[in-house]
PDB file of N, CA and C in Angstrom:
ATOM      1  N   MET A   1     119.066  94.987 101.956  1.00  0.00           N
ATOM      2  CA  MET A   1     117.890  94.878 101.822  1.00  0.00           C
ATOM      3  C   MET A   1     117.185  96.308 102.750  1.00  0.00           C
ATOM      4  N   ILE A   2     116.167  96.737 101.822  1.00  0.00           N
ATOM      5  CA  ILE A   2     115.411  98.043 102.892  1.00  0.00           C
ATOM      6  C   ILE A   2     113.772  97.118 102.720  1.00  0.00           C
ATOM      7  N   ALA A   3     113.109  97.662 104.110  1.00  0.00           N
ATOM      8  CA  ALA A   3     112.307  96.735 104.299  1.00  0.00           C
ATOM      9  C   ALA A   3     111.261  98.463 103.541  1.00  0.00           C
ATOM     10  N   ILE A   4     110.171  98.138 102.979  1.00  0.00           N
ATOM     11  CA  ILE A   4     109.082  98.887 102.153  1.00  0.00           C
ATOM     12  C   ILE A   4     107.600  98.545 102.346  1.00  0.00           C
ATOM     13  N   HIS A   5     107.157  99.808 103.843  1.00  0.00           N
ATOM     14  CA  HIS A   5     105.417  99.320 103.869  1.00  0.00           C
ATOM     15  C   HIS A   5     104.838 100.655 103.360  1.00  0.00           C
ATOM     16  N   TYR A   6     103.942  99.580 102.127  1.00  0.00           N
ATOM     17  CA  TYR A   6     102.893 100.614 101.624  1.00  0.00           C
ATOM     18  C   TYR A   6     101.903 100.831 102.002  1.00  0.00           C
ATOM     19  N   PHE A   7     101.143 102.181 102.568  1.00  0.00           N
ATOM     20  CA  PHE A   7     100.321 102.386 103.071  1.00  0.00           C
ATOM     21  C   PHE A   7      98.997 103.022 101.951  1.00  0.00           C
ATOM     22  N   GLU A   8      97.574 102.807 102.339  1.00  0.00           N
ATOM     23  CA  GLU A   8      96.859 103.641 101.588  1.00  0.00           C
ATOM     24  C   GLU A   8      96.071 104.276 102.913  1.00  0.00           C
ATOM     25  N   LYS A   9      95.744 105.468 102.781  1.00  0.00           N
ATOM     26  CA  LYS A   9      94.630 105.649 104.450  1.00  0.00           C
ATOM     27  C   LYS A   9      95.407 105.043 105.209  1.00  0.00           C
ATOM     28  N   ASN A  10      96.358 105.513 105.519  1.00  0.00           N
ATOM     29  CA  ASN A  10      96.896 104.626 106.859  1.00  0.00           C
ATOM     30  C   ASN A  10      96.266 103.126 107.381  1.00  0.00           C
ATOM     31  N   THR A  11      96.130 102.364 105.925  1.00  0.00           N
ATOM     32  CA  THR A  11      96.036 101.106 105.943  1.00  0.00           C
ATOM     33  C   THR A  11      97.430 100.602 105.652  1.00  0.00           C
ATOM     34  N   SER A  12      97.884  99.850 105.989  1.00  0.00           N
ATOM     35  CA  SER A  12      98.831  98.437 105.393  1.00  0.00           C
ATOM     36  C   SER A  12      98.505  98.172 104.289  1.00  0.00           C
ATOM     37  N   VAL A  13      99.026  97.805 103.245  1.00  0.00           N
ATOM     38  CA  VAL A  13      98.584  97.273 101.694  1.00  0.00           C
ATOM     39  C   VAL A  13      99.497  96.289 101.829  1.00  0.00           C
ATOM     40  N   LEU A  14     100.708  96.428 102.209  1.00  0.00           N
ATOM     41  CA  LEU A  14     102.081  95.353 101.272  1.00  0.00           C
ATOM     42  C   LEU A  14     103.005  95.914 102.086  1.00  0.00           C
ATOM     43  N   SER A  15     103.680  94.542 102.608  1.00  0.00           N
ATOM     44  CA  SER A  15     105.249  95.246 102.706  1.00  0.00           C
ATOM     45  C   SER A  15     106.216  94.101 102.220  1.00  0.00           C
ATOM     46  N   GLN A  16     107.156  94.655 102.254  1.00  0.00           N
ATOM     47  CA  GLN A  16     108.245  93.823 101.030  1.00  0.00           C
ATOM     48  C   GLN A  16     109.606  94.083 101.554  1.00  0.00           C
ATOM     49  N   CYS A  17     110.490  93.339 100.702  1.00  0.00           N
ATOM     50  CA  CYS A  17     112.354  93.860 101.406  1.00  0.00           C
ATOM     51  C   CYS A  17     112.485  93.941  99.750  1.00  0.00           C
ATOM     52  N   LEU A  18     112.743  95.689  99.629  1.00  0.00           N
ATOM     53  CA  LEU A  18     113.696  95.727  98.389  1.00  0.00           C
ATOM     54  C   LEU A  18     115.137  96.089  98.340  1.00  0.00           C
ATOM     55  N   GLN A  19     115.195  96.496  96.982  1.00  0.00           N
ATOM     56  CA  GLN A  19     116.571  97.014  96.825  1.00  0.00           C
ATOM     57  C   GLN A  19     116.522  98.395  96.339  1.00  0.00           C
ATOM     58  N   ARG A  20     115.930  98.669  95.668  1.00  0.00           N
ATOM     59  CA  ARG A  20     115.337 100.002  95.501  1.00  0.00           C
ATOM     60  C   ARG A  20     114.248 100.744  95.643  1.00  0.00           C
ATOM     61  N   ILE A  21     114.001 101.627  96.129  1.00  0.00           N
ATOM     62  CA  ILE A  21     112.948 102.494  97.504  1.00  0.00           C
ATOM     63  C   ILE A  21     112.294 103.111  95.882  1.00  0.00           C
ATOM     64  N   PRO A  22     111.231 103.272  95.572  1.00  0.00           N
ATOM     65  CA  PRO A  22     109.759 103.901  94.795  1.00  0.00           C
ATOM     66  C   PRO A  22     110.097 105.392  94.702  1.00  0.00           C
ATOM     67  N   GLU A  23     110.172 105.772  93.722  1.00  0.00           N
ATOM     68  CA  GLU A  23     109.928 107.515  93.673  1.00  0.00           C
ATOM     69  C   GLU A  23     108.640 108.368  93.702  1.00  0.00           C
ATOM     70  N   VAL A  24     108.547 108.996  93.827  1.00  0.00           N
ATOM     71  CA  VAL A  24     106.936 109.833  94.323  1.00  0.00           C
ATOM     72  C   VAL A  24     106.853 110.190  92.862  1.00  0.00           C
ATOM     73  N   ASP A  25     105.444 110.153  92.527  1.00  0.00           N
ATOM     74  CA  ASP A  25     104.532 109.885  91.263  1.00  0.00           C
ATOM     75  C   ASP A  25     104.936 108.575  90.145  1.00  0.00           C
ATOM     76  N   GLU A  26     105.705 107.957  90.992  1.00  0.00           N
ATOM     77  CA  GLU A  26     106.190 106.711  90.068  1.00  0.00           C
ATOM     78  C   GLU A  26     104.991 105.378  90.262  1.00  0.00           C
ATOM     79  N   SER A  27     104.366 104.841  88.802  1.00  0.00           N
ATOM     80  CA  SER A  27     103.234 103.983  88.753  1.00  0.00           C
ATOM     81  C   SER A  27     103.847 102.835  89.477  1.00  0.00           C
ATOM     82  N   ILE A  28     102.639 102.287  90.373  1.00  0.00           N
ATOM     83  CA  ILE A  28     103.024 101.208  90.732  1.00  0.00           C
ATOM     84  C   ILE A  28     101.498 100.071  90.660  1.00  0.00           C
ATOM     85  N   ARG A  29     102.236  98.372  90.603  1.00  0.00           N
ATOM     86  CA  ARG A  29     101.142  97.907  90.857  1.00  0.00           C
ATOM     87  C   ARG A  29     101.345  96.954  91.603  1.00  0.00           C
ATOM     88  N   ILE A  30      99.874  96.886  93.288  1.00  0.00           N
ATOM     89  CA  ILE A  30      99.805  96.066  94.414  1.00  0.00           C
ATOM     90  C   ILE A  30      98.766  95.398  94.526  1.00  0.00           C
ATOM     91  N   LYS A  31      98.775  94.179  93.922  1.00  0.00           N
ATOM     92  CA  LYS A  31      98.214  92.704  94.507  1.00  0.00           C
ATOM     93  C   LYS A  31      97.141  92.970  93.067  1.00  0.00           C
ATOM     94  N   GLY A  32      97.691  93.495  91.816  1.00  0.00           N
ATOM     95  CA  GLY A  32      96.842  93.373  90.576  1.00  0.00           C
ATOM     96  C   GLY A  32      95.585  94.603  90.271  1.00  0.00           C
ATOM     97  N   ARG A  33      96.252  95.737  91.274  1.00  0.00           N
ATOM     98  CA  ARG A  33      95.688  97.187  91.104  1.00  0.00           C
ATOM     99  C   ARG A  33      96.643  98.131  90.842  1.00  0.00           C
ATOM    100  N   ASN A  34      96.297  98.808  90.177  1.00  0.00           N
ATOM    101  CA  ASN A  34      97.357 100.257  89.453  1.00  0.00           C
ATOM    102  C   ASN A  34      97.245 101.577  90.503  1.00  0.00           C
ATOM    103  N   GLY A  35      98.733 102.064  91.032  1.00  0.00           N
ATOM    104  CA  GLY A  35      98.463 103.110  91.432  1.00  0.00           C
ATOM    105  C   GLY A  35      99.668 103.453  91.591  1.00  0.00           C
ATOM    106  N   LYS A  36      99.492 104.860  92.595  1.00  0.00           N
ATOM    107  CA  LYS A  36     100.752 105.529  92.065  1.00  0.00           C
ATOM    108  C   LYS A  36     100.908 106.326  93.140  1.00  0.00           C
ATOM    109  N   VAL A  37     102.575 106.486  93.576  1.00  0.00           N
ATOM    110  CA  VAL A  37     103.189 107.261  94.797  1.00  0.00           C
ATOM    111  C   VAL A  37     102.896 108.180  95.526  1.00  0.00           C
ATOM    112  N   ILE A  38     102.348 108.808  96.751  1.00  0.00           N
ATOM    113  CA  ILE A  38     102.194 110.036  96.367  1.00  0.00           C
ATOM    114  C   ILE A  38     103.418 110.727  97.543  1.00  0.00           C
ATOM    115  N   ASN A  39     103.571 109.494  98.433  1.00  0.00           N
ATOM    116  CA  ASN A  39     105.040 110.326  99.358  1.00  0.00           C
ATOM    117  C   ASN A  39     105.679 108.609  99.873  1.00  0.00           C
ATOM    118  N   VAL A  40     106.616 109.311 100.426  1.00  0.00           N
ATOM    119  CA  VAL A  40     108.138 107.897 100.767  1.00  0.00           C
ATOM    120  C   VAL A  40     108.562 108.955 102.188  1.00  0.00           C
ATOM    121  N   ILE A  41     108.627 108.116 102.901  1.00  0.00           N
ATOM    122  CA  ILE A  41     109.021 108.769 104.245  1.00  0.00           C
ATOM    123  C   ILE A  41     110.075 107.631 104.780  1.00  0.00           C
ATOM    124  N   GLN A  42     111.113 108.275 105.530  1.00  0.00           N
ATOM    125  CA  GLN A  42     111.939 107.441 105.771  1.00  0.00           C
ATOM    126  C   GLN A  42     111.912 107.133 107.594  1.00  0.00           C
ATOM    127  N   ILE A  43     112.295 106.160 107.896  1.00  0.00           N
ATOM    128  CA  ILE A  43     111.548 105.903 109.205  1.00  0.00           C
ATOM    129  C   ILE A  43     112.508 105.553 109.964  1.00  0.00           C
ATOM    130  N   GLU A  44     113.434 104.634 109.659  1.00  0.00           N
ATOM    131  CA  GLU A  44     114.965 104.228 110.203  1.00  0.00           C
ATOM    132  C   GLU A  44     115.727 104.110 108.849  1.00  0.00           C
ATOM    133  N   GLU A  45     116.821 104.085 109.544  1.00  0.00           N
ATOM    134  CA  GLU A  45     118.050 104.099 108.460  1.00  0.00           C
ATOM    135  C   GLU A  45     117.847 102.709 107.039  1.00  0.00           C
ATOM    136  N   ASN A  46     116.735 101.632 107.116  1.00  0.00           N
ATOM    137  CA  ASN A  46     116.767 100.217 106.394  1.00  0.00           C
ATOM    138  C   ASN A  46     114.776 100.300 106.285  1.00  0.00           C
ATOM    139  N   LYS A  47     114.216 101.431 106.535  1.00  0.00           N
ATOM    140  CA  LYS A  47     112.776 101.364 107.185  1.00  0.00           C
ATOM    141  C   LYS A  47     112.110 102.362 105.858  1.00  0.00           C
ATOM    142  N   TYR A  48     111.113 102.181 105.178  1.00  0.00           N
ATOM    143  CA  TYR A  48     110.571 103.508 104.770  1.00  0.00           C
ATOM    144  C   TYR A  48     109.059 103.081 104.528  1.00  0.00           C
ATOM    145  N   HIS A  49     108.362 104.304 105.078  1.00  0.00           N
ATOM    146  CA  HIS A  49     106.816 103.875 104.503  1.00  0.00           C
ATOM    147  C   HIS A  49     106.210 104.555 103.222  1.00  0.00           C
ATOM    148  N   VAL A  50     106.015 104.131 102.620  1.00  0.00           N
ATOM    149  CA  VAL A  50     105.120 104.560 100.854  1.00  0.00           C
ATOM    150  C   VAL A  50     103.777 104.399 100.761  1.00  0.00           C
ATOM    151  N   HIS A  51     103.263 106.051 101.120  1.00  0.00           N
ATOM    152  CA  HIS A  51     101.764 106.482 100.893  1.00  0.00           C
ATOM    153  C   HIS A  51     101.017 106.252  99.201  1.00  0.00           C
ATOM    154  N   VAL A  52     100.369 105.328  99.178  1.00  0.00           N
ATOM    155  CA  VAL A  52     100.277 105.480  97.505  1.00  0.00           C
ATOM    156  C   VAL A  52      98.584 105.012  97.843  1.00  0.00           C
ATOM    157  N   ILE A  53      98.242 106.077  96.292  1.00  0.00           N
ATOM    158  CA  ILE A  53      96.837 106.147  96.128  1.00  0.00           C
ATOM    159  C   ILE A  53      96.446 104.904  94.652  1.00  0.00           C
ATOM    160  N   LEU A  54      95.321 103.919  94.929  1.00  0.00           N
ATOM    161  CA  LEU A  54      95.076 102.529  94.403  1.00  0.00           C
ATOM    162  C   LEU A  54      93.977 102.840  93.787  1.00  0.00           C
ATOM    163  N   GLU A  55      93.600 102.341  92.294  1.00  0.00           N
ATOM    164  CA  GLU A  55      92.455 102.384  91.647  1.00  0.00           C
ATOM    165  C   GLU A  55      91.352 101.601  92.883  1.00  0.00           C
ATOM    166  N   LYS A  56      90.135 102.356  92.397  1.00  0.00           N
ATOM    167  CA  LYS A  56      89.147 101.614  93.732  1.00  0.00           C
ATOM    168  C   LYS A  56      88.687 100.526  92.576  1.00  0.00           C
ATOM    169  N   LEU A  57      87.957  99.596  93.397  1.00  0.00           N
ATOM    170  CA  LEU A  57      87.744  98.460  93.165  1.00  0.00           C
ATOM    171  C   LEU A  57      86.632  98.614  92.133  1.00  0.00           C
ATOM    172  N   ILE A  58      86.017  97.890  91.251  1.00  0.00           N
ATOM    173  CA  ILE A  58      84.962  98.136  90.149  1.00  0.00           C
ATOM    174  C   ILE A  58      83.840  96.551  90.831  1.00  0.00           C
ATOM    175  N   LYS A  59      83.396  96.478  91.498  1.00  0.00           N
ATOM    176  CA  LYS A  59      82.394  95.406  91.903  1.00  0.00           C
ATOM    177  C   LYS A  59      81.461  95.128  90.983  1.00  0.00           C
ATOM    178  N   LYS A  60      81.355  93.940  90.364  1.00  0.00           N
ATOM    179  CA  LYS A  60      80.483  93.653  88.814  1.00  0.00           C
ATOM    180  C   LYS A  60      79.443  93.279  89.919  1.00  0.00           C
ATOM    181  N   GLU A  61      77.846  94.049  89.444  1.00  0.00           N
ATOM    182  CA  GLU A  61      76.509  93.743  89.874  1.00  0.00           C
ATOM    183  C   GLU A  61      76.198  92.109  90.003  1.00  0.00           C
ATOM    184  N   LEU A  62      75.855  91.976  91.245  1.00  0.00           N
ATOM    185  CA  LEU A  62      75.109  90.485  91.089  1.00  0.00           C
ATOM    186  C   LEU A  62      73.911  90.433  90.030  1.00  0.00           C
ATOM    187  N   LEU A  63      73.952  88.977  89.572  1.00  0.00           N
ATOM    188  CA  LEU A  63      72.795  88.557  88.280  1.00  0.00           C
ATOM    189  C   LEU A  63      71.449  89.039  89.066  1.00  0.00           C
ATOM    190  N   LEU A  64      70.888  89.474  88.331  1.00  0.00           N
ATOM    191  CA  LEU A  64      69.378  90.002  88.993  1.00  0.00           C
ATOM    192  C   LEU A  64      68.546  88.713  89.083  1.00  0.00           C
ATOM    193  N   LYS A  65      67.425  88.866  90.283  1.00  0.00           N
ATOM    194  CA  LYS A  65      66.525  87.617  90.544  1.00  0.00           C
ATOM    195  C   LYS A  65      66.027  87.577  89.491  1.00  0.00           C
ATOM    196  N   ASP A  66      65.786  86.324  89.089  1.00  0.00           N
ATOM    197  CA  ASP A  66      64.059  86.035  88.274  1.00  0.00           C
ATOM    198  C   ASP A  66      63.075  85.460  88.845  1.00  0.00           C
ATOM    199  N   ASP A  67      62.368  86.756  88.922  1.00  0.00           N
ATOM    200  CA  ASP A  67      60.988  86.411  89.921  1.00  0.00           C
ATOM    201  C   ASP A  67      60.395  85.561  89.238  1.00  0.00           C
ATOM    202  N   LYS A  68      60.449  85.131  88.299  1.00  0.00           N
ATOM    203  CA  LYS A  68      59.364  84.323  87.064  1.00  0.00           C
ATOM    204  C   LYS A  68      59.375  82.865  87.796  1.00  0.00           C
ATOM    205  N   LYS A  69      57.866  82.318  87.532  1.00  0.00           N
ATOM    206  CA  LYS A  69      57.850  80.796  88.315  1.00  0.00           C
ATOM    207  C   LYS A  69      58.770  79.816  87.588  1.00  0.00           C
ATOM    208  N   LYS A  70      59.355  78.958  88.083  1.00  0.00           N
ATOM    209  CA  LYS A  70      60.060  78.296  87.168  1.00  0.00           C
ATOM    210  C   LYS A  70      58.598  77.011  86.759  1.00  0.00           C
ATOM    211  N   ARG A  71      58.926  76.747  85.961  1.00  0.00           N
ATOM    212  CA  ARG A  71      58.024  75.738  84.407  1.00  0.00           C
ATOM    213  C   ARG A  71      58.527  74.107  85.480  1.00  0.00           C
ATOM    214  N   ARG A  72      57.359  73.260  85.878  1.00  0.00           N
ATOM    215  CA  ARG A  72      57.953  72.378  86.414  1.00  0.00           C
ATOM    216  C   ARG A  72      57.363  70.506  85.577  1.00  0.00           C
TER     217      ARG A  72
END
């Protein structure tokens, strides 16, 4: 088993134990977000750091405030 640590801008996103090492330019899905592998660095014999670019989250706008007076 190989320990894979995924990073996005020096922030740890996910750590996994896998049999296969991801390749550069491979598309992946982490925590429901699509991404692409940029760089793979071997730290130790069975420890790798994988740098990824993930899609930006699209925040839904809150419902607009209804400033009308409620009728009672």
